[in-house]
Amino acid sequence: MSIYKKILGEQFENLQPMLQKRYALPEGNSFKASGMMKKISGGPKWLYPLFLLGTRWKFLFPEQGENIPFKIINTTRCGPNGEKQVNWERTFQFPTKKRYFNALMSLDTNKKIVKDYLGEPSLFYSELIFSVSEEGHMRIDSGKQRFVLGSIEIPLPKIFQGIVRVDEYYIEESEVFFIHVFITNPIIGTLFEYEGEFRADDF
């Protein structure tokens, strides 16, 4: 059973059928897809150096644009302590640069959240709350967050957090998945946003 099916429980059956297939992720299997991000945007220009620094960890990036080719690979694996993990590789092909937004997710059954470690090696941690909308969409919201320095994790006050909201669903007419990722900060406002479509390679 995938970590997403486990965390959602009975809600999983309310997902659109193609989303169920996408997030079932049998052990040893991977989900691969490609598509186009219609829009990628960010925050104020003074954040550029910080986002540029994030590219070293395949975390965030400063580039923005429209109609950016996109690829995603979700791979299941077993972590050092035996826990199930899902590796997320997201690639954005800008005209002169290839950028990444990678993460490693695992399950915390006690807190009923997904643990999300972003970057390679991990630079940032966020708790993720998964839910299913009335329309059968996948909804993801962020919870507590920490800055990661090797084995040290420093809790972040809300004023320094990037509040994440993800909406993903399947468009039957065009047979594509649609994704909208929106990250904001209580003081700065929008930090990072992308939205677009992708089609599974092997469905």
N, C-alpha and C. Protein backbone atom coordinates (compact mmCIF):
# COMPACT_ATOMS: atom_id res chain seq x y z
N MET A 1 0.84 -1.20 0.00
CA MET A 1 0.00 0.00 0.00
C MET A 1 0.88 1.25 0.00
N SER A 2 0.57 2.20 -0.89
CA SER A 2 1.38 3.42 -0.96
C SER A 2 1.14 4.28 0.27
N ILE A 3 2.09 5.18 0.54
CA ILE A 3 1.95 6.06 1.69
C ILE A 3 0.74 6.99 1.53
N TYR A 4 0.38 7.29 0.28
CA TYR A 4 -0.74 8.19 0.03
C TYR A 4 -2.08 7.47 0.25
N LYS A 5 -2.14 6.23 -0.16
CA LYS A 5 -3.35 5.45 0.07
C LYS A 5 -3.55 5.21 1.57
N LYS A 6 -2.45 5.02 2.27
CA LYS A 6 -2.52 4.78 3.71
C LYS A 6 -2.93 6.03 4.46
N ILE A 7 -2.38 7.18 4.10
CA ILE A 7 -2.68 8.42 4.83
C ILE A 7 -4.11 8.89 4.57
N LEU A 8 -4.63 8.62 3.36
CA LEU A 8 -5.98 9.06 3.03
C LEU A 8 -7.04 8.09 3.52
N GLY A 9 -6.69 6.83 3.70
CA GLY A 9 -7.65 5.84 4.17
C GLY A 9 -8.84 5.72 3.23
N GLU A 10 -10.05 5.79 3.77
CA GLU A 10 -11.26 5.65 2.96
C GLU A 10 -11.41 6.78 1.95
N GLN A 11 -10.81 7.94 2.24
CA GLN A 11 -10.89 9.06 1.30
C GLN A 11 -10.29 8.72 -0.06
N PHE A 12 -9.32 7.80 -0.06
CA PHE A 12 -8.61 7.47 -1.31
C PHE A 12 -9.59 7.04 -2.39
N GLU A 13 -10.65 6.31 -2.01
CA GLU A 13 -11.63 5.82 -2.98
C GLU A 13 -12.46 6.95 -3.58
N ASN A 14 -12.42 8.13 -2.98
CA ASN A 14 -13.17 9.28 -3.51
C ASN A 14 -12.37 10.07 -4.54
N LEU A 15 -11.09 9.76 -4.67
CA LEU A 15 -10.27 10.41 -5.71
C LEU A 15 -10.76 10.01 -7.09
N GLN A 16 -10.57 10.90 -8.06
CA GLN A 16 -10.83 10.53 -9.44
C GLN A 16 -10.04 9.24 -9.76
N PRO A 17 -10.62 8.32 -10.54
CA PRO A 17 -9.96 7.03 -10.81
C PRO A 17 -8.52 7.15 -11.31
N MET A 18 -8.24 8.12 -12.17
CA MET A 18 -6.88 8.27 -12.69
C MET A 18 -5.93 8.78 -11.61
N LEU A 19 -6.44 9.58 -10.67
CA LEU A 19 -5.60 10.00 -9.55
C LEU A 19 -5.32 8.82 -8.62
N GLN A 20 -6.30 7.94 -8.47
CA GLN A 20 -6.07 6.74 -7.68
C GLN A 20 -4.95 5.91 -8.29
N LYS A 21 -4.99 5.79 -9.60
CA LYS A 21 -3.95 5.02 -10.31
C LYS A 21 -2.59 5.69 -10.16
N ARG A 22 -2.59 7.01 -10.23
CA ARG A 22 -1.33 7.76 -10.14
C ARG A 22 -0.69 7.63 -8.76
N TYR A 23 -1.52 7.68 -7.71
CA TYR A 23 -0.99 7.68 -6.34
C TYR A 23 -0.96 6.30 -5.68
N ALA A 24 -1.40 5.27 -6.39
CA ALA A 24 -1.33 3.92 -5.82
C ALA A 24 0.12 3.48 -5.66
N LEU A 25 0.96 3.78 -6.65
CA LEU A 25 2.40 3.55 -6.61
C LEU A 25 2.79 2.23 -5.93
N PRO A 26 2.52 1.09 -6.58
CA PRO A 26 2.94 -0.19 -6.00
C PRO A 26 4.44 -0.20 -5.74
N GLU A 27 4.85 -0.90 -4.68
CA GLU A 27 6.25 -0.90 -4.29
C GLU A 27 7.14 -1.39 -5.43
N GLY A 28 8.22 -0.65 -5.67
CA GLY A 28 9.14 -1.00 -6.74
C GLY A 28 8.78 -0.37 -8.07
N ASN A 29 7.61 0.25 -8.16
CA ASN A 29 7.16 0.89 -9.40
C ASN A 29 7.40 2.39 -9.34
N SER A 30 7.28 3.03 -10.50
CA SER A 30 7.44 4.48 -10.55
C SER A 30 6.37 5.07 -11.46
N PHE A 31 6.08 6.33 -11.22
CA PHE A 31 5.16 7.09 -12.08
C PHE A 31 6.00 8.09 -12.85
N LYS A 32 5.89 8.05 -14.18
CA LYS A 32 6.64 8.98 -15.02
C LYS A 32 5.66 9.72 -15.93
N ALA A 33 5.88 11.01 -16.06
CA ALA A 33 4.99 11.82 -16.89
C ALA A 33 5.74 13.03 -17.43
N SER A 34 5.20 13.59 -18.48
CA SER A 34 5.77 14.81 -19.05
C SER A 34 4.65 15.71 -19.54
N GLY A 35 4.94 17.00 -19.61
CA GLY A 35 3.92 17.94 -20.03
C GLY A 35 4.45 19.34 -20.13
N MET A 36 3.60 20.31 -19.83
CA MET A 36 3.96 21.71 -19.99
C MET A 36 3.39 22.53 -18.84
N MET A 37 4.24 23.32 -18.23
CA MET A 37 3.77 24.26 -17.22
C MET A 37 3.38 25.56 -17.94
N LYS A 38 2.10 25.89 -17.87
CA LYS A 38 1.62 27.09 -18.57
C LYS A 38 2.19 28.36 -17.97
N LYS A 39 2.43 28.32 -16.66
CA LYS A 39 2.95 29.51 -15.99
C LYS A 39 3.82 29.11 -14.81
N ILE A 40 4.99 29.76 -14.69
CA ILE A 40 5.85 29.62 -13.52
C ILE A 40 6.21 31.04 -13.08
N SER A 41 5.87 31.38 -11.86
CA SER A 41 6.15 32.73 -11.37
C SER A 41 6.68 32.68 -9.95
N GLY A 42 7.21 33.82 -9.49
CA GLY A 42 7.82 33.86 -8.17
C GLY A 42 7.52 35.14 -7.43
N GLY A 43 8.32 35.40 -6.41
CA GLY A 43 8.10 36.55 -5.56
C GLY A 43 8.88 37.77 -6.00
N PRO A 44 9.15 38.69 -5.08
CA PRO A 44 9.88 39.91 -5.40
C PRO A 44 11.30 39.64 -5.93
N LYS A 45 11.82 40.60 -6.68
CA LYS A 45 13.13 40.43 -7.31
C LYS A 45 14.26 40.27 -6.30
N TRP A 46 14.10 40.83 -5.09
CA TRP A 46 15.18 40.75 -4.11
C TRP A 46 15.37 39.32 -3.59
N LEU A 47 14.41 38.44 -3.88
CA LEU A 47 14.56 37.03 -3.48
C LEU A 47 15.40 36.23 -4.48
N TYR A 48 15.73 36.85 -5.62
CA TYR A 48 16.47 36.15 -6.68
C TYR A 48 17.73 35.44 -6.17
N PRO A 49 18.61 36.12 -5.42
CA PRO A 49 19.84 35.43 -4.95
C PRO A 49 19.54 34.21 -4.08
N LEU A 50 18.51 34.29 -3.26
CA LEU A 50 18.14 33.17 -2.40
C LEU A 50 17.64 31.99 -3.21
N PHE A 51 16.81 32.26 -4.20
CA PHE A 51 16.30 31.19 -5.05
C PHE A 51 17.41 30.60 -5.93
N LEU A 52 18.32 31.46 -6.36
CA LEU A 52 19.45 30.97 -7.16
C LEU A 52 20.32 30.04 -6.32
N LEU A 53 20.52 30.38 -5.07
CA LEU A 53 21.28 29.52 -4.15
C LEU A 53 20.58 28.18 -3.98
N GLY A 54 19.25 28.21 -3.98
CA GLY A 54 18.48 26.97 -3.82
C GLY A 54 18.69 25.97 -4.94
N THR A 55 19.15 26.42 -6.11
CA THR A 55 19.37 25.50 -7.23
C THR A 55 20.48 24.50 -6.92
N ARG A 56 21.39 24.86 -6.01
CA ARG A 56 22.48 23.94 -5.64
C ARG A 56 21.94 22.67 -4.97
N TRP A 57 20.79 22.81 -4.36
CA TRP A 57 20.17 21.68 -3.66
C TRP A 57 18.98 21.11 -4.44
N LYS A 58 18.81 21.55 -5.68
CA LYS A 58 17.65 21.12 -6.49
C LYS A 58 16.35 21.39 -5.74
N PHE A 59 16.28 22.57 -5.15
CA PHE A 59 15.15 22.93 -4.31
C PHE A 59 14.26 23.95 -5.02
N LEU A 60 14.65 25.23 -5.00
CA LEU A 60 13.91 26.28 -5.69
C LEU A 60 14.78 26.88 -6.78
N PHE A 61 14.19 27.72 -7.60
CA PHE A 61 14.95 28.36 -8.69
C PHE A 61 14.31 29.71 -9.00
N PRO A 62 15.11 30.64 -9.54
CA PRO A 62 14.60 32.00 -9.77
C PRO A 62 13.91 32.21 -11.11
N GLU A 63 14.10 31.31 -12.06
CA GLU A 63 13.55 31.49 -13.40
C GLU A 63 12.01 31.49 -13.39
N GLN A 64 11.45 32.29 -14.28
CA GLN A 64 10.00 32.35 -14.46
C GLN A 64 9.70 32.27 -15.95
N GLY A 65 8.45 32.00 -16.28
CA GLY A 65 8.12 31.95 -17.70
C GLY A 65 6.80 31.27 -17.97
N GLU A 66 6.51 31.11 -19.26
CA GLU A 66 5.29 30.45 -19.70
C GLU A 66 5.63 29.31 -20.65
N ASN A 67 4.77 28.30 -20.66
CA ASN A 67 4.92 27.13 -21.54
C ASN A 67 6.31 26.49 -21.40
N ILE A 68 6.61 26.10 -20.17
CA ILE A 68 7.90 25.48 -19.85
C ILE A 68 7.74 23.95 -19.82
N PRO A 69 8.49 23.22 -20.65
CA PRO A 69 8.43 21.75 -20.64
C PRO A 69 8.75 21.21 -19.25
N PHE A 70 8.03 20.16 -18.89
CA PHE A 70 8.06 19.64 -17.52
C PHE A 70 8.08 18.12 -17.52
N LYS A 71 8.85 17.55 -16.60
CA LYS A 71 8.85 16.10 -16.41
C LYS A 71 8.79 15.78 -14.93
N ILE A 72 8.12 14.69 -14.59
CA ILE A 72 8.03 14.26 -13.20
C ILE A 72 8.23 12.75 -13.11
N ILE A 73 8.99 12.34 -12.10
CA ILE A 73 9.19 10.93 -11.81
C ILE A 73 8.98 10.72 -10.31
N ASN A 74 8.05 9.86 -9.95
CA ASN A 74 7.83 9.45 -8.56
C ASN A 74 8.27 8.01 -8.43
N THR A 75 9.24 7.76 -7.55
CA THR A 75 9.78 6.41 -7.39
C THR A 75 9.64 5.97 -5.94
N THR A 76 9.11 4.78 -5.73
CA THR A 76 9.01 4.24 -4.37
C THR A 76 10.31 3.54 -4.01
N ARG A 77 10.66 3.61 -2.74
CA ARG A 77 11.86 2.93 -2.26
C ARG A 77 11.77 2.71 -0.76
N CYS A 78 12.71 1.97 -0.24
CA CYS A 78 12.75 1.68 1.19
C CYS A 78 13.89 2.46 1.81
N GLY A 79 13.60 3.23 2.86
CA GLY A 79 14.62 4.06 3.51
C GLY A 79 15.52 3.25 4.41
N PRO A 80 16.57 3.89 4.95
CA PRO A 80 17.54 3.22 5.82
C PRO A 80 16.91 2.55 7.04
N ASN A 81 15.84 3.14 7.55
CA ASN A 81 15.18 2.58 8.73
C ASN A 81 14.02 1.66 8.37
N GLY A 82 13.90 1.33 7.09
CA GLY A 82 12.87 0.40 6.64
C GLY A 82 11.55 1.05 6.27
N GLU A 83 11.43 2.38 6.43
CA GLU A 83 10.18 3.04 6.10
C GLU A 83 10.01 3.21 4.59
N LYS A 84 8.76 3.21 4.15
CA LYS A 84 8.48 3.43 2.74
C LYS A 84 8.69 4.91 2.41
N GLN A 85 9.34 5.15 1.28
CA GLN A 85 9.59 6.52 0.84
C GLN A 85 9.19 6.68 -0.62
N VAL A 86 8.86 7.90 -0.99
CA VAL A 86 8.59 8.23 -2.39
C VAL A 86 9.48 9.39 -2.78
N ASN A 87 10.32 9.16 -3.77
CA ASN A 87 11.22 10.19 -4.27
C ASN A 87 10.53 10.95 -5.39
N TRP A 88 10.53 12.28 -5.28
CA TRP A 88 9.92 13.15 -6.28
C TRP A 88 11.01 13.87 -7.05
N GLU A 89 11.05 13.67 -8.35
CA GLU A 89 11.97 14.40 -9.23
C GLU A 89 11.14 15.22 -10.21
N ARG A 90 11.20 16.54 -10.06
CA ARG A 90 10.46 17.43 -10.96
C ARG A 90 11.46 18.27 -11.73
N THR A 91 11.38 18.23 -13.05
CA THR A 91 12.34 18.92 -13.92
C THR A 91 11.63 19.94 -14.79
N PHE A 92 12.16 21.15 -14.82
CA PHE A 92 11.61 22.24 -15.62
C PHE A 92 12.67 22.66 -16.64
N GLN A 93 12.35 22.54 -17.92
CA GLN A 93 13.33 22.84 -18.97
C GLN A 93 13.12 24.26 -19.51
N PHE A 94 13.84 25.22 -18.93
CA PHE A 94 13.80 26.59 -19.42
C PHE A 94 14.67 26.69 -20.68
N PRO A 95 14.54 27.77 -21.45
CA PRO A 95 15.30 27.88 -22.71
C PRO A 95 16.80 27.65 -22.57
N THR A 96 17.41 28.14 -21.47
CA THR A 96 18.86 28.00 -21.32
C THR A 96 19.27 27.24 -20.06
N LYS A 97 18.29 26.84 -19.24
CA LYS A 97 18.61 26.18 -17.98
C LYS A 97 17.63 25.03 -17.71
N LYS A 98 18.14 24.00 -17.07
CA LYS A 98 17.28 22.93 -16.57
C LYS A 98 17.26 23.06 -15.05
N ARG A 99 16.05 23.20 -14.50
CA ARG A 99 15.91 23.39 -13.06
C ARG A 99 15.11 22.25 -12.44
N TYR A 100 15.29 22.07 -11.12
CA TYR A 100 14.68 20.94 -10.42
C TYR A 100 13.96 21.43 -9.16
N PHE A 101 12.99 20.62 -8.76
CA PHE A 101 12.27 20.88 -7.50
C PHE A 101 11.99 19.50 -6.90
N ASN A 102 12.99 18.95 -6.22
CA ASN A 102 12.95 17.56 -5.79
C ASN A 102 12.63 17.42 -4.30
N ALA A 103 12.13 16.24 -3.95
CA ALA A 103 11.74 16.00 -2.56
C ALA A 103 11.71 14.50 -2.26
N LEU A 104 11.73 14.20 -0.98
CA LEU A 104 11.61 12.82 -0.51
C LEU A 104 10.52 12.78 0.55
N MET A 105 9.49 11.97 0.30
CA MET A 105 8.35 11.90 1.21
C MET A 105 8.26 10.55 1.90
N SER A 106 7.80 10.58 3.14
CA SER A 106 7.54 9.37 3.90
C SER A 106 6.37 9.64 4.83
N LEU A 107 5.96 8.62 5.58
CA LEU A 107 4.73 8.70 6.35
C LEU A 107 4.98 8.77 7.85
N ASP A 108 4.22 9.62 8.53
CA ASP A 108 4.20 9.64 9.99
C ASP A 108 2.78 9.24 10.39
N THR A 109 2.60 7.96 10.70
CA THR A 109 1.26 7.45 11.00
C THR A 109 0.70 8.00 12.31
N ASN A 110 1.57 8.34 13.25
CA ASN A 110 1.10 8.87 14.53
C ASN A 110 0.47 10.26 14.36
N LYS A 111 1.15 11.12 13.59
CA LYS A 111 0.65 12.47 13.37
C LYS A 111 -0.35 12.55 12.20
N LYS A 112 -0.43 11.46 11.43
CA LYS A 112 -1.29 11.39 10.25
C LYS A 112 -0.92 12.48 9.23
N ILE A 113 0.39 12.58 9.01
CA ILE A 113 0.89 13.54 8.02
C ILE A 113 1.94 12.85 7.15
N VAL A 114 2.23 13.48 6.02
CA VAL A 114 3.34 13.05 5.16
C VAL A 114 4.52 13.95 5.45
N LYS A 115 5.67 13.35 5.70
CA LYS A 115 6.90 14.12 5.94
C LYS A 115 7.56 14.41 4.59
N ASP A 116 7.82 15.67 4.33
CA ASP A 116 8.35 16.09 3.04
C ASP A 116 9.70 16.79 3.23
N TYR A 117 10.77 16.12 2.78
CA TYR A 117 12.10 16.70 2.85
C TYR A 117 12.49 17.18 1.45
N LEU A 118 12.66 18.49 1.31
CA LEU A 118 12.90 19.09 0.00
C LEU A 118 14.37 19.40 -0.21
N GLY A 119 14.82 19.14 -1.45
CA GLY A 119 16.21 19.40 -1.81
C GLY A 119 17.05 18.16 -1.76
N GLU A 120 18.21 18.21 -2.42
CA GLU A 120 19.18 17.11 -2.44
C GLU A 120 20.58 17.68 -2.22
N PRO A 121 21.17 17.49 -1.00
CA PRO A 121 20.56 16.90 0.19
C PRO A 121 19.49 17.82 0.76
N SER A 122 18.68 17.27 1.65
CA SER A 122 17.52 18.00 2.16
C SER A 122 17.94 19.33 2.81
N LEU A 123 17.21 20.37 2.46
CA LEU A 123 17.47 21.71 2.99
C LEU A 123 16.28 22.23 3.79
N PHE A 124 15.12 21.62 3.55
CA PHE A 124 13.88 22.15 4.11
C PHE A 124 12.91 21.01 4.38
N TYR A 125 12.20 21.10 5.50
CA TYR A 125 11.22 20.07 5.85
C TYR A 125 9.85 20.70 6.04
N SER A 126 8.83 20.00 5.57
CA SER A 126 7.47 20.47 5.77
C SER A 126 6.53 19.30 6.01
N GLU A 127 5.64 19.46 6.98
CA GLU A 127 4.57 18.48 7.14
C GLU A 127 3.52 18.75 6.07
N LEU A 128 2.98 17.69 5.48
CA LEU A 128 1.97 17.84 4.45
C LEU A 128 0.69 17.14 4.87
N ILE A 129 -0.43 17.82 4.69
CA ILE A 129 -1.73 17.25 5.00
C ILE A 129 -2.45 16.98 3.68
N PHE A 130 -2.76 15.71 3.44
CA PHE A 130 -3.43 15.29 2.21
C PHE A 130 -4.93 15.15 2.45
N SER A 131 -5.72 15.58 1.47
CA SER A 131 -7.17 15.42 1.56
C SER A 131 -7.76 15.32 0.15
N VAL A 132 -9.03 14.94 0.09
CA VAL A 132 -9.72 14.80 -1.20
C VAL A 132 -10.90 15.77 -1.22
N SER A 133 -11.00 16.56 -2.28
CA SER A 133 -12.09 17.52 -2.39
C SER A 133 -13.39 16.82 -2.80
N GLU A 134 -14.49 17.55 -2.76
CA GLU A 134 -15.78 16.99 -3.17
C GLU A 134 -15.77 16.56 -4.63
N GLU A 135 -14.92 17.23 -5.44
CA GLU A 135 -14.85 16.90 -6.87
C GLU A 135 -13.92 15.72 -7.14
N GLY A 136 -13.24 15.21 -6.11
CA GLY A 136 -12.32 14.10 -6.30
C GLY A 136 -10.91 14.53 -6.59
N HIS A 137 -10.60 15.82 -6.33
CA HIS A 137 -9.25 16.33 -6.55
C HIS A 137 -8.36 15.97 -5.36
N MET A 138 -7.06 15.91 -5.61
CA MET A 138 -6.09 15.76 -4.54
C MET A 138 -5.72 17.15 -4.02
N ARG A 139 -5.86 17.34 -2.71
CA ARG A 139 -5.49 18.61 -2.09
C ARG A 139 -4.35 18.36 -1.11
N ILE A 140 -3.34 19.22 -1.16
CA ILE A 140 -2.20 19.11 -0.25
C ILE A 140 -1.96 20.47 0.39
N ASP A 141 -1.90 20.50 1.72
CA ASP A 141 -1.61 21.72 2.46
C ASP A 141 -0.43 21.49 3.39
N SER A 142 0.33 22.54 3.61
CA SER A 142 1.51 22.41 4.48
C SER A 142 1.14 22.65 5.94
N GLY A 143 1.96 22.05 6.82
CA GLY A 143 1.83 22.26 8.26
C GLY A 143 3.12 22.82 8.81
N LYS A 144 3.61 22.26 9.89
CA LYS A 144 4.84 22.74 10.51
C LYS A 144 6.02 22.57 9.56
N GLN A 145 6.98 23.50 9.66
CA GLN A 145 8.15 23.48 8.78
C GLN A 145 9.43 23.68 9.57
N ARG A 146 10.52 23.14 9.01
CA ARG A 146 11.83 23.27 9.65
C ARG A 146 12.91 23.50 8.59
N PHE A 147 13.93 24.25 8.97
CA PHE A 147 15.12 24.42 8.14
C PHE A 147 16.09 23.31 8.52
N VAL A 148 16.66 22.63 7.51
CA VAL A 148 17.50 21.46 7.76
C VAL A 148 18.97 21.78 7.51
N LEU A 149 19.78 21.55 8.54
CA LEU A 149 21.24 21.71 8.42
C LEU A 149 21.89 20.39 8.82
N GLY A 150 22.03 19.50 7.86
CA GLY A 150 22.57 18.17 8.16
C GLY A 150 21.64 17.42 9.09
N SER A 151 22.13 17.07 10.27
CA SER A 151 21.32 16.34 11.25
C SER A 151 20.53 17.26 12.17
N ILE A 152 20.71 18.58 11.98
CA ILE A 152 20.01 19.56 12.82
C ILE A 152 18.81 20.13 12.06
N GLU A 153 17.66 20.16 12.73
CA GLU A 153 16.45 20.72 12.13
C GLU A 153 15.92 21.84 13.02
N ILE A 154 15.82 23.04 12.44
CA ILE A 154 15.44 24.23 13.19
C ILE A 154 14.00 24.62 12.85
N PRO A 155 13.09 24.58 13.83
CA PRO A 155 11.69 24.96 13.58
C PRO A 155 11.59 26.40 13.07
N LEU A 156 10.72 26.61 12.11
CA LEU A 156 10.53 27.94 11.54
C LEU A 156 9.24 28.58 12.06
N PRO A 157 9.32 29.81 12.59
CA PRO A 157 8.09 30.53 12.96
C PRO A 157 7.26 30.77 11.70
N LYS A 158 5.97 30.98 11.86
CA LYS A 158 5.07 31.14 10.72
C LYS A 158 5.46 32.29 9.80
N ILE A 159 6.05 33.34 10.36
CA ILE A 159 6.40 34.49 9.52
C ILE A 159 7.51 34.16 8.52
N PHE A 160 8.25 33.06 8.77
CA PHE A 160 9.31 32.64 7.85
C PHE A 160 8.92 31.44 7.00
N GLN A 161 7.70 30.97 7.15
CA GLN A 161 7.28 29.76 6.45
C GLN A 161 6.75 30.05 5.05
N GLY A 162 6.89 29.05 4.19
CA GLY A 162 6.25 29.08 2.88
C GLY A 162 5.00 28.22 2.97
N ILE A 163 3.85 28.85 2.95
CA ILE A 163 2.59 28.13 3.10
C ILE A 163 2.19 27.54 1.75
N VAL A 164 2.09 26.21 1.72
CA VAL A 164 1.90 25.49 0.46
C VAL A 164 0.46 25.06 0.28
N ARG A 165 -0.03 25.23 -0.94
CA ARG A 165 -1.34 24.69 -1.32
C ARG A 165 -1.19 24.06 -2.71
N VAL A 166 -1.56 22.79 -2.81
CA VAL A 166 -1.48 22.07 -4.09
C VAL A 166 -2.86 21.54 -4.44
N ASP A 167 -3.24 21.72 -5.70
CA ASP A 167 -4.48 21.16 -6.21
C ASP A 167 -4.14 20.37 -7.47
N GLU A 168 -4.47 19.09 -7.47
CA GLU A 168 -4.18 18.25 -8.63
C GLU A 168 -5.44 17.47 -9.00
N TYR A 169 -5.73 17.43 -10.30
CA TYR A 169 -6.89 16.67 -10.76
C TYR A 169 -6.66 16.18 -12.18
N TYR A 170 -7.61 15.36 -12.64
CA TYR A 170 -7.49 14.77 -13.97
C TYR A 170 -8.57 15.32 -14.88
N ILE A 171 -8.17 15.76 -16.08
CA ILE A 171 -9.11 16.29 -17.07
C ILE A 171 -9.39 15.18 -18.09
N GLU A 172 -10.56 14.59 -18.02
CA GLU A 172 -10.87 13.43 -18.86
C GLU A 172 -10.91 13.78 -20.34
N GLU A 173 -11.42 14.98 -20.67
CA GLU A 173 -11.57 15.35 -22.09
C GLU A 173 -10.23 15.35 -22.83
N SER A 174 -9.19 15.84 -22.17
CA SER A 174 -7.87 15.91 -22.81
C SER A 174 -6.91 14.85 -22.29
N GLU A 175 -7.37 14.03 -21.34
CA GLU A 175 -6.58 12.93 -20.79
C GLU A 175 -5.24 13.40 -20.23
N VAL A 176 -5.31 14.45 -19.41
CA VAL A 176 -4.10 14.98 -18.78
C VAL A 176 -4.36 15.25 -17.30
N PHE A 177 -3.29 15.25 -16.53
CA PHE A 177 -3.34 15.68 -15.13
C PHE A 177 -3.07 17.18 -15.10
N PHE A 178 -3.78 17.89 -14.23
CA PHE A 178 -3.55 19.32 -14.06
C PHE A 178 -3.03 19.55 -12.64
N ILE A 179 -2.02 20.38 -12.52
CA ILE A 179 -1.41 20.66 -11.21
C ILE A 179 -1.29 22.17 -11.00
N HIS A 180 -1.62 22.61 -9.79
CA HIS A 180 -1.41 24.00 -9.42
C HIS A 180 -0.73 24.03 -8.06
N VAL A 181 0.49 24.53 -8.01
CA VAL A 181 1.25 24.64 -6.77
C VAL A 181 1.40 26.13 -6.44
N PHE A 182 1.01 26.49 -5.23
CA PHE A 182 1.00 27.90 -4.83
C PHE A 182 1.63 28.02 -3.45
N ILE A 183 2.75 28.76 -3.36
CA ILE A 183 3.46 28.92 -2.09
C ILE A 183 3.49 30.40 -1.73
N THR A 184 3.00 30.71 -0.54
CA THR A 184 2.94 32.10 -0.09
C THR A 184 3.60 32.26 1.27
N ASN A 185 3.84 33.50 1.64
CA ASN A 185 4.39 33.85 2.95
C ASN A 185 3.51 34.93 3.56
N PRO A 186 3.26 34.87 4.88
CA PRO A 186 2.37 35.85 5.52
C PRO A 186 2.78 37.30 5.32
N ILE A 187 4.07 37.56 5.16
CA ILE A 187 4.55 38.94 5.02
C ILE A 187 4.83 39.30 3.56
N ILE A 188 5.52 38.41 2.84
CA ILE A 188 5.97 38.70 1.47
C ILE A 188 4.86 38.52 0.45
N GLY A 189 3.98 37.58 0.70
CA GLY A 189 2.96 37.24 -0.29
C GLY A 189 3.41 36.04 -1.12
N THR A 190 3.19 36.09 -2.41
CA THR A 190 3.55 34.96 -3.28
C THR A 190 5.07 34.75 -3.31
N LEU A 191 5.50 33.50 -3.09
CA LEU A 191 6.91 33.14 -3.17
C LEU A 191 7.20 32.36 -4.44
N PHE A 192 6.29 31.45 -4.79
CA PHE A 192 6.55 30.54 -5.91
C PHE A 192 5.21 29.95 -6.35
N GLU A 193 5.04 29.84 -7.66
CA GLU A 193 3.79 29.29 -8.18
C GLU A 193 4.03 28.67 -9.55
N TYR A 194 3.42 27.52 -9.76
CA TYR A 194 3.40 26.98 -11.12
C TYR A 194 2.12 26.20 -11.35
N GLU A 195 1.68 26.20 -12.60
CA GLU A 195 0.49 25.45 -12.96
C GLU A 195 0.59 24.99 -14.41
N GLY A 196 0.07 23.79 -14.65
CA GLY A 196 0.12 23.26 -15.99
C GLY A 196 -0.40 21.84 -16.05
N GLU A 197 -0.11 21.17 -17.17
CA GLU A 197 -0.65 19.84 -17.42
C GLU A 197 0.46 18.85 -17.74
N PHE A 198 0.20 17.58 -17.44
CA PHE A 198 1.15 16.53 -17.82
C PHE A 198 0.39 15.24 -18.07
N ARG A 199 1.00 14.39 -18.90
CA ARG A 199 0.39 13.12 -19.27
C ARG A 199 1.32 11.98 -18.87
N ALA A 200 0.74 10.95 -18.26
CA ALA A 200 1.55 9.81 -17.82
C ALA A 200 2.16 9.09 -19.03
N ASP A 201 3.40 8.66 -18.89
CA ASP A 201 4.11 7.99 -19.97
C ASP A 201 3.61 6.58 -20.22
N ASP A 202 3.12 5.91 -19.16
CA ASP A 202 2.83 4.49 -19.29
C ASP A 202 1.41 4.10 -18.89
N PHE A 203 0.48 5.05 -18.80
CA PHE A 203 -0.91 4.72 -18.49
C PHE A 203 -1.64 4.32 -19.77
